[in-house]
Protein backbone atom coordinates (compact mmCIF):
# COMPACT_ATOMS: atom_id res chain seq x y z
CA MET A 1 191.85 -22.21 44.25
CA ILE A 2 191.43 -19.00 42.31
CA GLU A 3 193.67 -16.16 43.36
CA ALA A 4 191.96 -12.80 43.86
CA ARG A 5 194.78 -10.79 42.21
CA ARG A 6 194.17 -12.78 39.00
CA LEU A 7 190.53 -11.75 39.15
CA HIS A 8 191.64 -8.11 39.31
CA ILE A 9 193.67 -8.72 36.13
CA LEU A 10 190.74 -10.40 34.39
CA ARG A 11 188.51 -7.41 35.09
CA ALA A 12 191.12 -4.94 33.95
CA VAL A 13 191.50 -6.78 30.66
CA ALA A 14 187.73 -6.83 30.23
CA ASP A 15 187.58 -3.10 30.92
CA HIS A 16 190.51 -2.06 28.75
CA ARG A 17 190.05 -4.57 25.93
CA THR A 18 193.83 -5.06 25.39
CA VAL A 19 196.55 -6.69 27.47
CA THR A 20 198.79 -3.67 26.91
CA ALA A 21 196.28 -1.17 28.25
CA ALA A 22 195.35 -3.40 31.20
CA ALA A 23 199.01 -3.84 32.07
CA ALA A 24 199.56 -0.08 32.01
CA ALA A 25 196.59 0.50 34.30
CA LEU A 26 197.83 -2.14 36.77
CA TYR A 27 201.48 -1.04 36.55
CA LEU A 28 202.49 -4.47 35.22
CA THR A 29 204.25 -5.61 32.12
CA PRO A 30 202.10 -7.15 29.28
CA SER A 31 203.95 -10.38 29.68
CA ALA A 32 203.07 -10.48 33.38
CA VAL A 33 199.38 -9.91 32.59
CA SER A 34 199.48 -12.67 29.98
CA GLN A 35 201.16 -15.04 32.42
CA GLN A 36 198.51 -14.32 35.08
CA LEU A 37 195.70 -14.85 32.59
CA ALA A 38 197.24 -18.18 31.57
CA ALA A 39 197.52 -19.21 35.20
CA LEU A 40 193.87 -18.26 35.77
CA GLU A 41 192.85 -20.33 32.77
CA GLN A 42 194.78 -23.25 34.24
CA GLU A 43 193.10 -22.76 37.63
CA THR A 44 189.66 -22.72 36.10
CA GLY A 45 190.23 -25.27 33.37
CA HIS A 46 188.65 -22.99 30.77
CA ARG A 47 189.86 -20.63 28.01
CA LEU A 48 188.84 -17.21 29.32
CA VAL A 49 190.01 -14.80 26.62
CA ASP A 50 190.33 -14.72 22.85
CA ARG A 51 193.06 -12.60 21.38
CA GLY A 52 192.49 -10.94 18.02
CA ALA A 53 193.70 -8.10 15.87
CA ARG A 54 191.33 -5.74 17.61
CA GLY A 55 192.28 -6.69 21.12
CA VAL A 56 191.09 -9.18 23.75
CA ARG A 57 187.57 -10.49 24.09
CA LEU A 58 186.23 -12.62 26.92
CA THR A 59 184.98 -16.08 26.01
CA PRO A 60 181.60 -17.21 27.37
CA ALA A 61 183.45 -18.85 30.23
CA GLY A 62 185.31 -15.61 30.80
CA GLU A 63 182.06 -13.68 30.92
CA ILE A 64 180.69 -16.12 33.53
CA LEU A 65 183.81 -15.74 35.64
CA LEU A 66 183.68 -11.91 35.25
CA GLY A 67 180.21 -11.85 36.77
CA HIS A 68 181.47 -13.76 39.83
CA THR A 69 184.60 -11.56 39.87
CA ASN A 70 182.48 -8.44 40.45
CA VAL A 71 180.76 -10.11 43.37
CA VAL A 72 183.95 -11.51 44.87
CA LEU A 73 185.91 -8.25 44.61
CA ALA A 74 183.02 -6.25 46.10
CA GLN A 75 182.91 -8.75 48.98
CA LEU A 76 186.68 -8.35 49.50
CA GLU A 77 186.22 -4.55 49.66
CA ARG A 78 183.54 -5.08 52.34
CA ALA A 79 185.83 -7.38 54.29
CA ALA A 80 188.62 -4.76 54.15
CA ALA A 81 186.12 -2.12 55.29
CA GLU A 82 184.88 -4.18 58.27
CA LEU A 83 188.43 -5.11 59.34
CA ALA A 84 189.45 -1.46 59.15
CA ALA A 85 186.42 -0.51 61.24
CA TYR A 86 187.25 -3.20 63.76
CA GLY A 87 190.70 -1.79 64.05
CA ALA A 88 189.29 1.75 64.33
CA GLY A 89 191.34 2.67 61.27
CA ALA A 90 190.01 6.21 60.83
CA ALA A 91 193.45 7.53 59.93
CA GLY A 92 195.08 7.34 56.54
CA THR A 93 195.06 8.78 53.00
CA VAL A 94 192.12 8.76 50.59
CA THR A 95 192.76 9.70 46.94
CA VAL A 96 189.96 11.56 45.23
CA ALA A 97 189.85 12.12 41.47
CA SER A 98 187.59 14.92 40.19
CA PHE A 99 187.10 17.29 37.30
CA ALA A 100 188.20 20.93 38.00
CA THR A 101 184.77 22.39 38.76
CA GLY A 102 183.90 19.44 40.99
CA ILE A 103 187.10 20.14 42.94
CA ALA A 104 186.03 23.77 43.50
CA GLU A 105 182.37 22.94 44.18
CA VAL A 106 182.52 19.96 46.52
CA VAL A 107 185.97 18.42 46.93
CA ALA A 108 187.78 21.45 48.40
CA PRO A 109 184.90 22.22 50.78
CA ALA A 110 184.82 18.55 51.82
CA VAL A 111 188.55 18.72 52.59
CA VAL A 112 187.84 21.72 54.92
CA ARG A 113 185.05 19.76 56.66
CA LEU A 114 187.18 16.67 57.09
CA ALA A 115 189.96 18.69 58.69
CA GLU A 116 187.52 19.43 61.49
CA THR A 117 185.51 16.21 61.71
CA ALA A 118 188.03 13.55 60.76
CA PRO A 119 191.47 15.03 61.16
CA GLY A 120 193.07 11.62 60.79
CA ILE A 121 192.02 11.42 57.17
CA ARG A 122 194.36 12.97 54.61
CA ILE A 123 192.87 13.73 51.21
CA ARG A 124 194.99 13.56 48.07
CA VAL A 125 193.28 15.21 45.06
CA GLN A 126 193.85 14.43 41.41
CA ASP A 127 192.40 16.54 38.62
CA ALA A 128 190.73 14.28 36.08
CA GLU A 129 188.03 14.89 33.50
CA GLY A 130 184.59 13.53 34.29
CA ASP A 131 185.06 10.52 31.97
CA ALA A 132 188.58 9.65 33.23
CA SER A 133 187.98 9.30 36.98
CA LEU A 134 185.88 6.14 36.80
CA PRO A 135 188.48 4.03 34.93
CA MET A 136 191.07 5.32 37.48
CA LEU A 137 188.77 4.13 40.27
CA LEU A 138 188.23 0.71 38.75
CA ASP A 139 192.01 0.35 38.19
CA ARG A 140 192.56 1.15 41.86
CA GLN A 141 194.54 4.29 41.10
CA VAL A 142 192.12 6.31 43.29
CA ASP A 143 189.70 5.58 46.08
CA VAL A 144 186.86 7.99 45.22
CA ALA A 145 185.81 9.42 41.89
CA VAL A 146 183.72 12.57 41.44
CA ALA A 147 182.29 12.14 37.95
CA VAL A 148 179.61 13.25 35.54
CA GLU A 149 176.95 11.16 33.86
CA TYR A 150 177.80 10.75 30.19
CA ARG A 151 177.07 8.46 27.24
CA GLY A 152 178.83 5.18 27.74
CA ALA A 153 179.43 5.73 31.46
CA PRO A 154 178.87 2.72 33.75
CA PRO A 155 175.27 2.80 34.87
CA ALA A 156 174.19 3.48 38.46
CA ASP A 157 173.53 -0.29 38.97
CA ASP A 158 176.97 -1.38 37.66
CA PRO A 159 178.05 -4.25 39.94
CA ARG A 160 181.57 -2.88 40.18
CA LEU A 161 180.61 0.57 41.60
CA SER A 162 178.51 2.29 44.22
CA HIS A 163 177.12 5.73 43.20
CA VAL A 164 176.28 8.65 45.50
CA PRO A 165 174.40 11.46 43.71
CA LEU A 166 175.89 14.92 44.57
CA TYR A 167 174.30 17.68 42.57
CA ALA A 168 172.91 18.67 39.19
CA GLU A 169 173.54 22.00 37.52
CA PRO A 170 172.17 23.77 34.47
CA PHE A 171 174.14 24.95 31.46
CA ASP A 172 173.61 28.57 30.41
CA ALA A 173 173.90 30.01 26.91
CA VAL A 174 176.93 32.21 26.37
CA VAL A 175 176.83 34.57 23.39
CA PRO A 176 178.89 37.59 22.33
CA VAL A 177 177.54 40.96 23.50
CA THR A 178 176.93 41.81 19.82
CA HIS A 179 174.81 38.74 19.21
CA ARG A 180 171.32 39.19 17.81
CA LEU A 181 169.83 37.37 20.89
CA ALA A 182 171.91 39.22 23.50
CA GLY A 183 168.92 41.28 24.56
CA THR A 184 166.57 38.38 25.22
CA ALA A 185 165.79 37.11 28.75
CA GLU A 186 166.09 33.46 27.76
CA ILE A 187 167.64 31.94 24.65
CA PRO A 188 165.89 29.15 22.69
CA LEU A 189 168.63 26.74 21.50
CA ALA A 190 166.79 26.27 18.17
CA GLU A 191 167.61 29.93 17.39
CA LEU A 192 171.33 29.09 17.57
CA ALA A 193 171.16 26.29 14.98
CA LYS A 194 173.04 28.30 12.27
CA ASP A 195 175.62 29.82 14.56
CA PRO A 196 179.17 28.54 14.86
CA TRP A 197 179.72 26.79 18.19
CA ILE A 198 182.52 26.57 20.79
CA GLY A 199 182.59 23.49 22.95
CA PRO A 200 184.55 20.70 24.67
CA TYR A 201 186.25 17.93 22.74
CA PRO A 202 184.46 14.63 22.09
CA GLY A 203 184.95 12.35 25.07
CA ASN A 204 184.40 15.11 27.53
CA PRO A 205 181.06 14.56 29.29
CA CYS A 206 180.15 18.22 28.76
CA HIS A 207 180.47 17.62 25.01
CA ASP A 208 177.76 15.05 25.25
CA VAL A 209 175.49 17.45 27.19
CA VAL A 210 175.93 20.14 24.56
CA VAL A 211 175.39 17.87 21.56
CA LEU A 212 172.36 16.13 23.15
CA ALA A 213 170.72 19.50 24.05
CA CYS A 214 171.16 20.71 20.47
CA GLU A 215 169.82 17.42 19.08
CA ASN A 216 166.76 17.76 21.32
CA ALA A 217 166.30 21.28 19.86
CA GLY A 218 166.33 19.79 16.35
CA PHE A 219 169.88 20.43 15.03
CA GLN A 220 173.49 19.33 15.14
CA PRO A 221 175.80 22.09 16.48
CA LEU A 222 178.46 23.32 14.13
CA LEU A 223 181.44 22.97 16.51
CA GLU A 224 184.09 25.09 14.87
CA HIS A 225 186.21 25.74 18.00
CA SER A 226 187.14 23.23 20.70
CA SER A 227 188.55 23.56 24.24
CA ASP A 228 188.02 21.66 27.47
CA ASP A 229 188.82 24.85 29.41
CA PHE A 230 185.66 26.92 29.90
CA ARG A 231 187.66 30.08 30.39
CA ALA A 232 188.97 29.63 26.88
CA VAL A 233 185.44 28.90 25.64
CA VAL A 234 184.15 32.15 27.15
CA ALA A 235 187.16 34.09 25.83
CA LEU A 236 186.43 32.77 22.31
CA ALA A 237 182.77 33.78 22.63
CA SER A 238 183.83 37.25 23.72
CA ALA A 239 185.98 37.40 20.55
CA ASP A 240 182.73 36.95 18.58
CA VAL A 241 183.73 33.63 16.96
CA GLY A 242 180.76 31.55 18.17
CA VAL A 243 178.25 30.63 20.86
CA ALA A 244 178.47 28.13 23.69
CA LEU A 245 176.74 26.28 26.52
CA VAL A 246 178.69 26.41 29.78
CA PRO A 247 177.92 24.88 33.24
CA ARG A 248 176.66 27.65 35.55
CA SER A 249 179.30 26.94 38.25
CA ALA A 250 182.11 27.19 35.71
CA LEU A 251 181.15 30.81 35.01
CA ARG A 252 181.72 31.96 38.57
CA GLY A 253 184.61 34.37 38.89
CA MET A 254 185.17 34.68 35.13
CA ASP A 255 185.62 37.87 33.16
CA LEU A 256 182.27 38.07 31.32
CA ALA A 257 182.72 41.57 29.94
CA GLY A 258 182.55 40.48 26.27
CA VAL A 259 179.68 38.07 26.55
CA VAL A 260 176.08 37.80 27.63
CA VAL A 261 174.97 34.84 29.79
CA ARG A 262 171.34 33.79 29.52
CA PRO A 263 169.28 30.85 30.76
CA VAL A 264 168.12 28.37 28.08
CA ASP A 265 164.49 28.66 27.11
CA GLY A 266 162.80 25.20 27.20
CA VAL A 267 164.43 21.99 28.28
CA VAL A 268 167.51 23.03 30.26
CA PRO A 269 170.75 21.17 29.56
CA THR A 270 171.98 19.73 32.85
CA ARG A 271 175.02 17.83 34.07
CA ARG A 272 174.56 15.41 36.93
CA VAL A 273 177.49 14.92 39.25
CA PHE A 274 178.06 11.91 41.51
CA ALA A 275 180.68 10.31 43.64
CA ALA A 276 181.65 6.68 43.09
CA VAL A 277 183.60 4.12 44.98
CA ARG A 278 184.36 0.47 44.26
CA ARG A 279 181.34 -1.59 45.38
CA GLY A 280 181.80 -2.84 48.90
CA ALA A 281 184.12 0.03 49.92
CA GLU A 282 181.34 2.52 50.71
CA GLU A 283 181.40 1.77 54.46
CA HIS A 284 185.16 1.75 54.87
CA PRO A 285 185.99 3.97 57.86
CA LEU A 286 188.28 6.11 55.75
CA ILE A 287 185.88 6.38 52.76
CA ARG A 288 182.53 6.82 54.54
CA PRO A 289 183.49 10.16 56.07
CA VAL A 290 184.72 11.36 52.69
CA LEU A 291 181.43 10.49 50.98
CA ASP A 292 179.47 12.14 53.80
CA ALA A 293 181.59 15.29 53.55
CA LEU A 294 181.13 15.40 49.73
CA GLY A 295 177.39 15.04 50.13
CA GLU A 296 177.24 17.81 52.73
CA ALA A 297 179.33 20.09 50.55
CA ALA A 298 177.09 19.32 47.56
CA GLY A 299 174.00 20.17 49.67
CA GLU A 300 175.39 23.62 50.41
CA ALA A 301 176.67 24.19 46.86
């Protein structure tokens, strides 16, 4: 008989590629993870992982078991959801991870809604960049992730996750007030090809949006200044050290005295925001109201 907790460990190792990283995500010791993997191999009668200098790789037998693992764990999530519904368990804590603007745009308004419509649900919020919340969700550190589409992100049909689209928002061009294009109604990105740029660090989903938009305009941006804080990005633009693309919602409430904000002429860079839960958990009586509240807040945003 294969134990479900060992399947969790197998998936964590597959996701993180090393025993040490999987152990940290699961709050276990590396030796405990190795012991559980060895026990799983004994249960199945197959070698499931190969260990090398670059980390852990699943064997063909391990890949087969991983496919079944995603199905089994999703079904266990559904079983927990149905049992909770049977017990009318609409009281408890749901942990939501989201990037800062997502918290302001949809998570905080959803908390207000839930206080009225589902007062038994307590929301715990964790600030996490758009590329960090999905690993936290898969590692069971949080129950709901508000994330952004980015290169390398799990696709919408990933068997481990269920996606709920929330909203899409454009990026606007931010240039110093003294910039040669400050007087134009819309700014073509190609006209900024030779400018120094200010943008998020690689790994941040917004970095991908900026770079891809510039590539589509025919150039690689010269990113001379980096910050994941859009207030810092705008402050640097106001200091006349470069230009930037910033999500429209992130500009609300900022001091824009030293910059000019203009729509992009042509194909508009866009970030698409979604909520995700572990597949099978979407109808849990604690999680379903949270997803509904996030969707309603996004509709109004």
